[in-house]
Amino acid sequence: MADNLSVDDSKAVLRDLAIALGVLALVFAGLFSWLAFGLEKPVFVQSYGNGDIPLMPEPVPEPEPIEEEIVRFVVDSHKVIGGESFSLITGKYWDDFFLWPDLYVLNDMKSEDPDLIYPDEIIDIYNRLGTGDRFSERETTMILDAYIEVYDRFKALGPHKNGSAWTLLWCGAKYDHSFLDMYAYRINPDDLEVARRYIEEEGFLD
């Protein structure tokens, strides 16, 4: 009688254990399916007459880069003395002689001839572009635009300013070696040829 009870008890224990293992297996299977589904990218389904076609969600467009805003303002003023030029003034205040076209344009090109500046003139000194020899893309564009404006002024003064125009174009390439190519549509072909020859013979300015 005791042996029969022992066998029945064993069967009951084994049955309960089998049920528990089955339930546990179902739980693990459900958990695995949930994790696998959660890692998949969502797929939307568009229904058509000939069946369902899975569609991927439309990509979110990247925001367009915000153009850098550069504000120019007067930080000082300079009274011209004899023998000075715009390049000497930018060398003094901006520590870069070659940035002078930017200063000239900012001062509304008061002097008809960019090579000439007169004693007792008051020159507004603006905040400098860049730091040292480092300039952002926008700052470089502003510098090159100033160079082209000064080039136009030299050309308007006549052939006797050709030498200044050629040198100016060569100097402008210091800030971007593709300067002449970028602004070729604004430059006289003969001037362009001379400026490129300057670069071939002398190299780019440091």
N, C-alpha and C. Protein backbone atom coordinates (compact mmCIF):
# COMPACT_ATOMS: atom_id res chain seq x y z
N MET A 1 0.82 -1.20 0.00
CA MET A 1 0.00 0.00 0.00
C MET A 1 0.85 1.24 0.00
N ALA A 2 1.91 1.27 0.82
CA ALA A 2 2.83 2.41 0.90
C ALA A 2 3.54 2.60 -0.39
N ASP A 3 3.92 1.43 -1.05
CA ASP A 3 4.64 1.53 -2.32
C ASP A 3 3.75 2.17 -3.38
N ASN A 4 2.43 1.80 -3.37
CA ASN A 4 1.53 2.37 -4.36
C ASN A 4 1.39 3.87 -4.20
N LEU A 5 1.33 4.32 -2.95
CA LEU A 5 1.23 5.77 -2.69
C LEU A 5 2.48 6.48 -3.16
N SER A 6 3.62 5.81 -2.92
CA SER A 6 4.89 6.44 -3.32
C SER A 6 4.95 6.62 -4.83
N VAL A 7 4.48 5.59 -5.57
CA VAL A 7 4.49 5.68 -7.03
C VAL A 7 3.53 6.74 -7.49
N ASP A 8 2.34 6.80 -6.86
CA ASP A 8 1.37 7.82 -7.26
C ASP A 8 1.89 9.22 -6.98
N ASP A 9 2.53 9.36 -5.82
CA ASP A 9 3.10 10.68 -5.48
C ASP A 9 4.16 11.08 -6.49
N SER A 10 4.99 10.15 -6.91
CA SER A 10 6.06 10.42 -7.87
C SER A 10 5.46 10.85 -9.21
N LYS A 11 4.41 10.14 -9.62
CA LYS A 11 3.77 10.49 -10.89
C LYS A 11 3.21 11.91 -10.83
N ALA A 12 2.58 12.22 -9.67
CA ALA A 12 1.99 13.55 -9.52
C ALA A 12 3.07 14.64 -9.58
N VAL A 13 4.19 14.37 -8.93
CA VAL A 13 5.30 15.34 -8.94
C VAL A 13 5.83 15.53 -10.35
N LEU A 14 6.01 14.40 -11.06
CA LEU A 14 6.51 14.49 -12.44
C LEU A 14 5.53 15.23 -13.34
N ARG A 15 4.22 14.98 -13.13
CA ARG A 15 3.21 15.67 -13.94
C ARG A 15 3.23 17.18 -13.70
N ASP A 16 3.33 17.53 -12.39
CA ASP A 16 3.37 18.98 -12.06
C ASP A 16 4.63 19.62 -12.62
N LEU A 17 5.74 18.87 -12.56
CA LEU A 17 7.01 19.40 -13.08
C LEU A 17 6.93 19.61 -14.60
N ALA A 18 6.30 18.66 -15.30
CA ALA A 18 6.16 18.77 -16.75
C ALA A 18 5.29 19.97 -17.12
N ILE A 19 4.23 20.16 -16.35
CA ILE A 19 3.35 21.31 -16.61
C ILE A 19 4.11 22.63 -16.40
N ALA A 20 4.87 22.68 -15.29
CA ALA A 20 5.62 23.89 -14.98
C ALA A 20 6.65 24.19 -16.07
N LEU A 21 7.35 23.14 -16.53
CA LEU A 21 8.34 23.33 -17.59
C LEU A 21 7.68 23.80 -18.88
N GLY A 22 6.49 23.25 -19.19
CA GLY A 22 5.78 23.67 -20.39
C GLY A 22 5.39 25.13 -20.33
N VAL A 23 4.88 25.51 -19.16
CA VAL A 23 4.49 26.93 -18.98
C VAL A 23 5.72 27.83 -19.12
N LEU A 24 6.82 27.43 -18.50
CA LEU A 24 8.06 28.22 -18.57
C LEU A 24 8.56 28.35 -20.00
N ALA A 25 8.44 27.25 -20.76
CA ALA A 25 8.87 27.29 -22.17
C ALA A 25 8.01 28.27 -22.96
N LEU A 26 6.72 28.27 -22.70
CA LEU A 26 5.83 29.20 -23.39
C LEU A 26 6.17 30.65 -23.05
N VAL A 27 6.51 30.87 -21.77
CA VAL A 27 6.87 32.24 -21.35
C VAL A 27 8.13 32.70 -22.07
N PHE A 28 9.14 31.85 -22.13
CA PHE A 28 10.40 32.20 -22.81
C PHE A 28 10.18 32.42 -24.30
N ALA A 29 9.35 31.59 -24.91
CA ALA A 29 9.07 31.74 -26.34
C ALA A 29 8.38 33.08 -26.61
N GLY A 30 7.43 33.45 -25.75
CA GLY A 30 6.75 34.74 -25.92
C GLY A 30 7.69 35.91 -25.71
N LEU A 31 8.57 35.79 -24.72
CA LEU A 31 9.53 36.85 -24.45
C LEU A 31 10.49 37.02 -25.62
N PHE A 32 10.98 35.92 -26.17
CA PHE A 32 11.90 35.97 -27.31
C PHE A 32 11.23 36.62 -28.52
N SER A 33 9.98 36.26 -28.79
CA SER A 33 9.25 36.84 -29.92
C SER A 33 9.05 38.34 -29.74
N TRP A 34 8.77 38.74 -28.50
CA TRP A 34 8.57 40.18 -28.22
C TRP A 34 9.85 40.96 -28.44
N LEU A 35 10.98 40.40 -27.98
CA LEU A 35 12.26 41.09 -28.17
C LEU A 35 12.62 41.16 -29.64
N ALA A 36 12.43 40.08 -30.38
CA ALA A 36 12.77 40.06 -31.80
C ALA A 36 11.91 41.06 -32.57
N PHE A 37 10.64 41.15 -32.23
CA PHE A 37 9.77 42.10 -32.92
C PHE A 37 10.15 43.54 -32.60
N GLY A 38 10.55 43.76 -31.36
CA GLY A 38 10.90 45.11 -30.95
C GLY A 38 12.14 45.63 -31.64
N LEU A 39 13.06 44.75 -32.07
CA LEU A 39 14.29 45.16 -32.73
C LEU A 39 14.10 45.41 -34.21
N GLU A 40 13.00 44.93 -34.78
CA GLU A 40 12.77 45.12 -36.21
C GLU A 40 12.25 46.52 -36.49
N LYS A 41 12.60 47.06 -37.65
CA LYS A 41 12.09 48.37 -38.06
C LYS A 41 10.61 48.23 -38.40
N PRO A 42 9.83 49.23 -38.06
CA PRO A 42 8.40 49.13 -38.38
C PRO A 42 8.18 49.13 -39.88
N VAL A 43 7.29 48.30 -40.31
CA VAL A 43 6.95 48.19 -41.73
C VAL A 43 5.46 48.46 -41.89
N PHE A 44 5.12 49.39 -42.73
CA PHE A 44 3.74 49.69 -42.98
C PHE A 44 3.28 48.91 -44.20
N VAL A 45 2.05 48.52 -44.22
CA VAL A 45 1.51 47.72 -45.30
C VAL A 45 0.44 48.51 -46.04
N GLN A 46 0.63 48.63 -47.34
CA GLN A 46 -0.37 49.29 -48.18
C GLN A 46 -1.19 48.21 -48.87
N SER A 47 -2.47 48.28 -48.74
CA SER A 47 -3.34 47.26 -49.31
C SER A 47 -3.70 47.63 -50.74
N TYR A 48 -3.51 46.69 -51.66
CA TYR A 48 -3.87 46.84 -53.06
C TYR A 48 -4.78 45.68 -53.46
N GLY A 49 -5.36 45.78 -54.60
CA GLY A 49 -6.28 44.74 -55.04
C GLY A 49 -5.61 43.39 -55.20
N ASN A 50 -4.31 43.38 -55.55
CA ASN A 50 -3.64 42.10 -55.79
C ASN A 50 -2.82 41.63 -54.59
N GLY A 51 -3.08 42.19 -53.44
CA GLY A 51 -2.38 41.72 -52.26
C GLY A 51 -1.78 42.87 -51.47
N ASP A 52 -1.21 42.55 -50.32
CA ASP A 52 -0.59 43.55 -49.46
C ASP A 52 0.89 43.69 -49.81
N ILE A 53 1.33 44.94 -49.96
CA ILE A 53 2.74 45.20 -50.28
C ILE A 53 3.36 45.97 -49.12
N PRO A 54 4.39 45.42 -48.49
CA PRO A 54 5.01 46.11 -47.35
C PRO A 54 5.75 47.37 -47.83
N LEU A 55 5.58 48.44 -47.10
CA LEU A 55 6.26 49.69 -47.42
C LEU A 55 7.10 50.13 -46.24
N MET A 56 8.33 50.60 -46.52
CA MET A 56 9.19 51.15 -45.46
C MET A 56 8.72 52.57 -45.16
N PRO A 57 8.85 52.99 -43.89
CA PRO A 57 8.46 54.37 -43.57
C PRO A 57 9.33 55.37 -44.32
N GLU A 58 8.75 56.51 -44.69
CA GLU A 58 9.50 57.53 -45.41
C GLU A 58 10.61 58.09 -44.52
N PRO A 59 11.81 58.29 -45.09
CA PRO A 59 12.92 58.82 -44.28
C PRO A 59 12.64 60.26 -43.86
N VAL A 60 13.10 60.59 -42.66
CA VAL A 60 12.94 61.95 -42.16
C VAL A 60 14.04 62.81 -42.78
N PRO A 61 13.69 63.89 -43.50
CA PRO A 61 14.73 64.72 -44.14
C PRO A 61 15.59 65.40 -43.11
N GLU A 62 16.90 65.48 -43.42
CA GLU A 62 17.83 66.16 -42.53
C GLU A 62 17.60 67.66 -42.61
N PRO A 63 17.70 68.34 -41.48
CA PRO A 63 17.50 69.80 -41.51
C PRO A 63 18.59 70.48 -42.32
N GLU A 64 18.21 71.51 -43.08
CA GLU A 64 19.18 72.24 -43.87
C GLU A 64 20.10 73.03 -42.95
N PRO A 65 21.41 73.08 -43.28
CA PRO A 65 22.33 73.82 -42.43
C PRO A 65 21.99 75.30 -42.40
N ILE A 66 22.09 75.88 -41.23
CA ILE A 66 21.81 77.30 -41.07
C ILE A 66 23.04 78.10 -41.50
N GLU A 67 22.83 79.04 -42.42
CA GLU A 67 23.94 79.83 -42.92
C GLU A 67 24.50 80.70 -41.80
N GLU A 68 25.80 80.69 -41.71
CA GLU A 68 26.47 81.45 -40.67
C GLU A 68 26.19 82.95 -40.84
N GLU A 69 25.79 83.59 -39.76
CA GLU A 69 25.54 85.03 -39.80
C GLU A 69 26.75 85.76 -39.22
N ILE A 70 27.28 86.68 -39.99
CA ILE A 70 28.44 87.45 -39.54
C ILE A 70 28.04 88.92 -39.50
N VAL A 71 28.12 89.49 -38.33
CA VAL A 71 27.75 90.89 -38.13
C VAL A 71 29.03 91.71 -38.07
N ARG A 72 29.09 92.75 -38.87
CA ARG A 72 30.24 93.65 -38.88
C ARG A 72 29.88 94.93 -38.13
N PHE A 73 30.80 95.39 -37.32
CA PHE A 73 30.56 96.60 -36.54
C PHE A 73 31.88 97.31 -36.29
N VAL A 74 31.80 98.61 -36.07
CA VAL A 74 32.98 99.44 -35.88
C VAL A 74 33.51 99.25 -34.46
N VAL A 75 34.80 98.98 -34.37
CA VAL A 75 35.43 98.79 -33.06
C VAL A 75 36.43 99.90 -32.74
N ASP A 76 36.80 100.67 -33.74
CA ASP A 76 37.80 101.73 -33.53
C ASP A 76 37.78 102.65 -34.75
N SER A 77 38.57 103.70 -34.70
CA SER A 77 38.73 104.58 -35.86
C SER A 77 40.20 104.95 -35.97
N HIS A 78 40.63 105.29 -37.17
CA HIS A 78 42.04 105.59 -37.41
C HIS A 78 42.15 106.85 -38.25
N LYS A 79 42.97 107.77 -37.81
CA LYS A 79 43.24 108.99 -38.56
C LYS A 79 44.50 108.78 -39.38
N VAL A 80 44.36 108.91 -40.67
CA VAL A 80 45.45 108.60 -41.59
C VAL A 80 46.56 109.64 -41.47
N ILE A 81 47.79 109.13 -41.51
CA ILE A 81 48.95 110.01 -41.56
C ILE A 81 49.68 109.75 -42.89
N GLY A 82 50.55 110.66 -43.27
CA GLY A 82 51.24 110.55 -44.55
C GLY A 82 51.97 109.23 -44.71
N GLY A 83 51.89 108.67 -45.91
CA GLY A 83 52.61 107.44 -46.23
C GLY A 83 51.86 106.17 -45.89
N GLU A 84 50.68 106.27 -45.30
CA GLU A 84 49.92 105.07 -44.94
C GLU A 84 49.09 104.57 -46.13
N SER A 85 48.69 103.32 -46.04
CA SER A 85 47.82 102.70 -47.04
C SER A 85 46.84 101.80 -46.29
N PHE A 86 45.84 101.33 -47.01
CA PHE A 86 44.89 100.42 -46.37
C PHE A 86 45.58 99.14 -45.89
N SER A 87 46.55 98.67 -46.64
CA SER A 87 47.24 97.44 -46.23
C SER A 87 48.02 97.66 -44.93
N LEU A 88 48.66 98.83 -44.78
CA LEU A 88 49.38 99.11 -43.54
C LEU A 88 48.42 99.20 -42.35
N ILE A 89 47.24 99.76 -42.59
CA ILE A 89 46.26 99.89 -41.51
C ILE A 89 45.73 98.52 -41.09
N THR A 90 45.44 97.66 -42.05
CA THR A 90 44.95 96.32 -41.67
C THR A 90 46.07 95.51 -41.03
N GLY A 91 47.32 95.76 -41.44
CA GLY A 91 48.42 95.09 -40.77
C GLY A 91 48.51 95.51 -39.31
N LYS A 92 48.22 96.77 -39.05
CA LYS A 92 48.29 97.29 -37.68
C LYS A 92 47.13 96.78 -36.82
N TYR A 93 45.91 96.86 -37.34
CA TYR A 93 44.73 96.54 -36.54
C TYR A 93 44.28 95.08 -36.65
N TRP A 94 44.50 94.47 -37.79
CA TRP A 94 44.03 93.10 -38.01
C TRP A 94 45.16 92.08 -38.12
N ASP A 95 46.39 92.57 -38.08
CA ASP A 95 47.56 91.68 -38.16
C ASP A 95 47.56 90.86 -39.45
N ASP A 96 47.06 91.46 -40.53
CA ASP A 96 47.05 90.79 -41.83
C ASP A 96 46.98 91.87 -42.91
N PHE A 97 48.11 92.11 -43.58
CA PHE A 97 48.17 93.15 -44.61
C PHE A 97 47.22 92.86 -45.78
N PHE A 98 46.98 91.57 -46.04
CA PHE A 98 46.24 91.18 -47.24
C PHE A 98 44.72 91.26 -47.08
N LEU A 99 44.26 91.61 -45.90
CA LEU A 99 42.82 91.77 -45.70
C LEU A 99 42.34 93.18 -46.06
N TRP A 100 43.22 94.00 -46.58
CA TRP A 100 42.86 95.40 -46.81
C TRP A 100 41.66 95.62 -47.73
N PRO A 101 41.41 94.79 -48.77
CA PRO A 101 40.20 95.04 -49.58
C PRO A 101 38.92 95.02 -48.75
N ASP A 102 38.87 94.16 -47.73
CA ASP A 102 37.69 94.10 -46.87
C ASP A 102 37.50 95.42 -46.14
N LEU A 103 38.56 95.99 -45.61
CA LEU A 103 38.47 97.27 -44.91
C LEU A 103 38.10 98.40 -45.87
N TYR A 104 38.67 98.37 -47.06
CA TYR A 104 38.38 99.39 -48.07
C TYR A 104 36.89 99.38 -48.44
N VAL A 105 36.34 98.20 -48.66
CA VAL A 105 34.92 98.08 -49.03
C VAL A 105 34.03 98.49 -47.87
N LEU A 106 34.38 98.09 -46.65
CA LEU A 106 33.59 98.45 -45.48
C LEU A 106 33.53 99.96 -45.28
N ASN A 107 34.57 100.66 -45.73
CA ASN A 107 34.60 102.12 -45.63
C ASN A 107 34.02 102.78 -46.87
N ASP A 108 33.16 102.05 -47.56
CA ASP A 108 32.44 102.58 -48.73
C ASP A 108 33.37 103.06 -49.82
N MET A 109 34.59 102.50 -49.88
CA MET A 109 35.55 102.84 -50.93
C MET A 109 35.67 104.36 -51.09
N LYS A 110 35.88 105.03 -49.95
CA LYS A 110 35.95 106.49 -49.94
C LYS A 110 36.98 107.02 -50.93
N SER A 111 38.14 106.35 -50.97
CA SER A 111 39.18 106.78 -51.91
C SER A 111 38.87 106.19 -53.27
N GLU A 112 38.85 107.04 -54.29
CA GLU A 112 38.54 106.56 -55.64
C GLU A 112 39.57 105.53 -56.11
N ASP A 113 40.81 105.76 -55.76
CA ASP A 113 41.90 104.83 -56.10
C ASP A 113 42.26 104.03 -54.85
N PRO A 114 42.04 102.73 -54.85
CA PRO A 114 42.34 101.92 -53.66
C PRO A 114 43.80 102.00 -53.22
N ASP A 115 44.70 102.37 -54.14
CA ASP A 115 46.11 102.48 -53.78
C ASP A 115 46.42 103.76 -53.01
N LEU A 116 45.49 104.71 -53.04
CA LEU A 116 45.75 106.02 -52.44
C LEU A 116 44.89 106.26 -51.22
N ILE A 117 45.49 106.87 -50.24
CA ILE A 117 44.78 107.24 -49.02
C ILE A 117 45.40 108.55 -48.56
N TYR A 118 44.61 109.43 -48.02
CA TYR A 118 45.08 110.78 -47.78
C TYR A 118 45.17 111.11 -46.29
N PRO A 119 46.17 111.90 -45.91
CA PRO A 119 46.32 112.29 -44.50
C PRO A 119 45.05 112.95 -43.96
N ASP A 120 44.80 112.67 -42.69
CA ASP A 120 43.66 113.21 -41.93
C ASP A 120 42.33 112.55 -42.27
N GLU A 121 42.31 111.62 -43.22
CA GLU A 121 41.08 110.84 -43.44
C GLU A 121 40.82 109.99 -42.20
N ILE A 122 39.55 109.79 -41.89
CA ILE A 122 39.17 108.93 -40.77
C ILE A 122 38.68 107.60 -41.34
N ILE A 123 39.35 106.55 -40.95
CA ILE A 123 39.00 105.20 -41.41
C ILE A 123 38.34 104.44 -40.26
N ASP A 124 37.15 103.93 -40.49
CA ASP A 124 36.49 103.09 -39.48
C ASP A 124 37.13 101.71 -39.47
N ILE A 125 37.47 101.26 -38.29
CA ILE A 125 38.05 99.93 -38.13
C ILE A 125 36.95 98.99 -37.65
N TYR A 126 36.69 97.97 -38.43
CA TYR A 126 35.63 97.01 -38.11
C TYR A 126 36.20 95.76 -37.43
N ASN A 127 35.30 94.98 -36.87
CA ASN A 127 35.72 93.69 -36.32
C ASN A 127 36.30 92.83 -37.43
N ARG A 128 37.34 92.16 -37.12
CA ARG A 128 38.11 91.39 -38.11
C ARG A 128 37.41 90.08 -38.44
N LEU A 129 37.58 89.65 -39.66
CA LEU A 129 37.12 88.32 -40.05
C LEU A 129 38.18 87.29 -39.69
N GLY A 130 37.74 86.15 -39.19
CA GLY A 130 38.66 85.06 -38.92
C GLY A 130 39.51 85.28 -37.69
N THR A 131 40.31 84.27 -37.40
CA THR A 131 41.26 84.31 -36.30
C THR A 131 42.61 83.85 -36.83
N GLY A 132 43.60 84.74 -36.80
CA GLY A 132 44.89 84.38 -37.39
C GLY A 132 44.73 84.14 -38.87
N ASP A 133 45.14 82.95 -39.31
CA ASP A 133 44.97 82.60 -40.73
C ASP A 133 43.86 81.58 -40.93
N ARG A 134 42.95 81.51 -39.97
CA ARG A 134 41.83 80.57 -40.06
C ARG A 134 40.54 81.35 -40.32
N PHE A 135 39.84 80.95 -41.38
CA PHE A 135 38.61 81.62 -41.77
C PHE A 135 37.55 80.56 -42.09
N SER A 136 36.32 80.86 -41.71
CA SER A 136 35.22 79.97 -42.07
C SER A 136 34.94 80.12 -43.56
N GLU A 137 34.12 79.23 -44.07
CA GLU A 137 33.76 79.29 -45.49
C GLU A 137 33.06 80.61 -45.81
N ARG A 138 32.16 81.03 -44.94
CA ARG A 138 31.45 82.28 -45.15
C ARG A 138 32.40 83.48 -45.08
N GLU A 139 33.32 83.47 -44.15
CA GLU A 139 34.28 84.57 -44.02
C GLU A 139 35.17 84.64 -45.25
N THR A 140 35.60 83.49 -45.75
CA THR A 140 36.43 83.47 -46.96
C THR A 140 35.68 84.05 -48.14
N THR A 141 34.41 83.70 -48.27
CA THR A 141 33.61 84.25 -49.36
C THR A 141 33.52 85.76 -49.28
N MET A 142 33.35 86.30 -48.07
CA MET A 142 33.27 87.74 -47.89
C MET A 142 34.58 88.42 -48.28
N ILE A 143 35.68 87.80 -47.94
CA ILE A 143 36.99 88.36 -48.29
C ILE A 143 37.18 88.37 -49.80
N LEU A 144 36.85 87.26 -50.45
CA LEU A 144 37.02 87.17 -51.90
C LEU A 144 36.08 88.12 -52.64
N ASP A 145 34.87 88.29 -52.12
CA ASP A 145 33.94 89.25 -52.72
C ASP A 145 34.52 90.66 -52.66
N ALA A 146 35.17 90.99 -51.55
CA ALA A 146 35.80 92.31 -51.42
C ALA A 146 36.93 92.45 -52.43
N TYR A 147 37.70 91.40 -52.63
CA TYR A 147 38.78 91.44 -53.61
C TYR A 147 38.23 91.73 -55.01
N ILE A 148 37.13 91.09 -55.36
CA ILE A 148 36.55 91.31 -56.68
C ILE A 148 36.02 92.73 -56.82
N GLU A 149 35.42 93.26 -55.75
CA GLU A 149 34.93 94.64 -55.82
C GLU A 149 36.09 95.62 -56.04
N VAL A 150 37.22 95.38 -55.38
CA VAL A 150 38.38 96.25 -55.56
C VAL A 150 38.95 96.06 -56.97
N TYR A 151 38.95 94.83 -57.45
CA TYR A 151 39.40 94.58 -58.83
C TYR A 151 38.57 95.40 -59.81
N ASP A 152 37.25 95.40 -59.62
CA ASP A 152 36.37 96.18 -60.50
C ASP A 152 36.74 97.67 -60.44
N ARG A 153 37.07 98.15 -59.24
CA ARG A 153 37.44 99.56 -59.10
C ARG A 153 38.73 99.86 -59.86
N PHE A 154 39.73 98.99 -59.75
CA PHE A 154 40.98 99.18 -60.49
C PHE A 154 40.71 99.22 -62.00
N LYS A 155 39.89 98.30 -62.48
CA LYS A 155 39.62 98.24 -63.91
C LYS A 155 38.87 99.49 -64.39
N ALA A 156 38.03 100.04 -63.52
CA ALA A 156 37.30 101.25 -63.91
C ALA A 156 38.22 102.45 -64.03
N LEU A 157 39.38 102.40 -63.36
CA LEU A 157 40.31 103.52 -63.40
C LEU A 157 41.15 103.53 -64.67
N GLY A 158 41.18 102.43 -65.41
CA GLY A 158 41.89 102.42 -66.67
C GLY A 158 43.11 101.51 -66.69
N PRO A 159 43.74 101.36 -67.87
CA PRO A 159 44.86 100.42 -68.05
C PRO A 159 46.06 100.72 -67.15
N HIS A 160 46.23 101.97 -66.71
CA HIS A 160 47.41 102.28 -65.88
C HIS A 160 47.33 101.60 -64.51
N LYS A 161 46.16 101.02 -64.17
CA LYS A 161 46.03 100.29 -62.90
C LYS A 161 46.07 98.77 -63.10
N ASN A 162 46.46 98.32 -64.28
CA ASN A 162 46.51 96.88 -64.55
C ASN A 162 47.46 96.16 -63.61
N GLY A 163 48.61 96.78 -63.36
CA GLY A 163 49.58 96.14 -62.46
C GLY A 163 48.99 95.90 -61.08
N SER A 164 48.25 96.88 -60.56
CA SER A 164 47.59 96.72 -59.26
C SER A 164 46.52 95.62 -59.32
N ALA A 165 45.79 95.57 -60.44
CA ALA A 165 44.75 94.56 -60.59
C ALA A 165 45.33 93.16 -60.62
N TRP A 166 46.44 92.98 -61.35
CA TRP A 166 47.06 91.65 -61.44
C TRP A 166 47.58 91.20 -60.08
N THR A 167 48.25 92.13 -59.39
CA THR A 167 48.78 91.79 -58.06
C THR A 167 47.65 91.46 -57.10
N LEU A 168 46.56 92.21 -57.20
CA LEU A 168 45.41 91.98 -56.33
C LEU A 168 44.86 90.56 -56.52
N LEU A 169 44.71 90.14 -57.77
CA LEU A 169 44.18 88.81 -58.05
C LEU A 169 45.09 87.73 -57.50
N TRP A 170 46.39 87.93 -57.64
CA TRP A 170 47.35 86.97 -57.10
C TRP A 170 47.21 86.88 -55.58
N CYS A 171 47.07 88.03 -54.92
CA CYS A 171 46.95 88.05 -53.46
C CYS A 171 45.64 87.39 -53.00
N GLY A 172 44.58 87.61 -53.77
CA GLY A 172 43.29 87.02 -53.38
C GLY A 172 43.34 85.51 -53.34
N ALA A 173 44.15 84.91 -54.21
CA ALA A 173 44.26 83.44 -54.24
C ALA A 173 44.89 82.89 -52.98
N LYS A 174 45.47 83.75 -52.16
CA LYS A 174 46.03 83.33 -50.88
C LYS A 174 44.95 82.73 -49.98
N TYR A 175 43.75 83.28 -50.06
CA TYR A 175 42.67 82.86 -49.16
C TYR A 175 41.90 81.65 -49.68
N ASP A 176 41.97 81.43 -50.98
CA ASP A 176 41.37 80.23 -51.57
C ASP A 176 42.07 79.99 -52.90
N HIS A 177 42.77 78.88 -53.01
CA HIS A 177 43.57 78.61 -54.21
C HIS A 177 42.71 78.47 -55.47
N SER A 178 41.42 78.29 -55.31
CA SER A 178 40.54 78.21 -56.47
C SER A 178 39.86 79.56 -56.78
N PHE A 179 40.35 80.60 -56.15
CA PHE A 179 39.78 81.94 -56.29
C PHE A 179 39.61 82.35 -57.75
N LEU A 180 40.67 82.21 -58.55
CA LEU A 180 40.61 82.66 -59.95
C LEU A 180 39.59 81.85 -60.76
N ASP A 181 39.49 80.57 -60.47
CA ASP A 181 38.51 79.74 -61.17
C ASP A 181 37.09 80.10 -60.75
N MET A 182 36.89 80.35 -59.47
CA MET A 182 35.56 80.65 -58.94
C MET A 182 35.01 81.95 -59.52
N TYR A 183 35.90 82.93 -59.71
CA TYR A 183 35.46 84.26 -60.15
C TYR A 183 35.91 84.57 -61.58
N ALA A 184 36.22 83.54 -62.35
CA ALA A 184 36.71 83.75 -63.72
C ALA A 184 35.70 84.53 -64.56
N TYR A 185 34.42 84.34 -64.29
CA TYR A 185 33.39 85.03 -65.07
C TYR A 185 33.38 86.54 -64.80
N ARG A 186 34.04 86.96 -63.71
CA ARG A 186 34.09 88.39 -63.37
C ARG A 186 35.42 89.04 -63.77
N ILE A 187 36.37 88.22 -64.23
CA ILE A 187 37.73 88.72 -64.48
C ILE A 187 38.02 88.75 -65.97
N ASN A 188 38.64 89.82 -66.41
CA ASN A 188 39.07 89.94 -67.81
C ASN A 188 40.01 88.78 -68.15
N PRO A 189 39.80 88.09 -69.27
CA PRO A 189 40.64 86.93 -69.61
C PRO A 189 42.13 87.23 -69.63
N ASP A 190 42.52 88.42 -70.11
CA ASP A 190 43.94 88.78 -70.13
C ASP A 190 44.47 88.92 -68.70
N ASP A 191 43.68 89.53 -67.83
CA ASP A 191 44.10 89.67 -66.43
C ASP A 191 44.19 88.29 -65.77
N LEU A 192 43.26 87.43 -66.12
CA LEU A 192 43.24 86.08 -65.56
C LEU A 192 44.50 85.33 -65.95
N GLU A 193 44.92 85.48 -67.18
CA GLU A 193 46.12 84.80 -67.66
C GLU A 193 47.36 85.30 -66.93
N VAL A 194 47.45 86.62 -66.75
CA VAL A 194 48.61 87.19 -66.06
C VAL A 194 48.64 86.73 -64.60
N ALA A 195 47.49 86.77 -63.93
CA ALA A 195 47.42 86.38 -62.53
C ALA A 195 47.81 84.91 -62.35
N ARG A 196 47.38 84.06 -63.28
CA ARG A 196 47.75 82.64 -63.19
C ARG A 196 49.25 82.46 -63.42
N ARG A 197 49.82 83.30 -64.28
CA ARG A 197 51.26 83.22 -64.50
C ARG A 197 52.02 83.65 -63.24
N TYR A 198 51.50 84.65 -62.54
CA TYR A 198 52.11 85.05 -61.26
C TYR A 198 52.18 83.84 -60.32
N ILE A 199 51.05 83.11 -60.23
CA ILE A 199 50.99 81.96 -59.33
C ILE A 199 51.95 80.87 -59.78
N GLU A 200 52.04 80.63 -61.07
CA GLU A 200 52.95 79.60 -61.59
C GLU A 200 54.40 79.96 -61.28
N GLU A 201 54.72 81.24 -61.37
CA GLU A 201 56.11 81.66 -61.17
C GLU A 201 56.46 81.86 -59.70
N GLU A 202 55.52 82.41 -58.94
CA GLU A 202 55.81 82.77 -57.54
C GLU A 202 55.15 81.86 -56.52
N GLY A 203 54.16 81.10 -56.96
CA GLY A 203 53.43 80.26 -56.02
C GLY A 203 52.38 81.05 -55.27
N PHE A 204 51.65 80.37 -54.41
CA PHE A 204 50.63 81.04 -53.60
C PHE A 204 51.29 81.73 -52.40
N LEU A 205 50.77 82.87 -52.02
CA LEU A 205 51.29 83.58 -50.87
C LEU A 205 50.94 82.84 -49.60
N ASP A 206 51.83 82.86 -48.65
CA ASP A 206 51.57 82.20 -47.36
C ASP A 206 50.71 83.10 -46.49
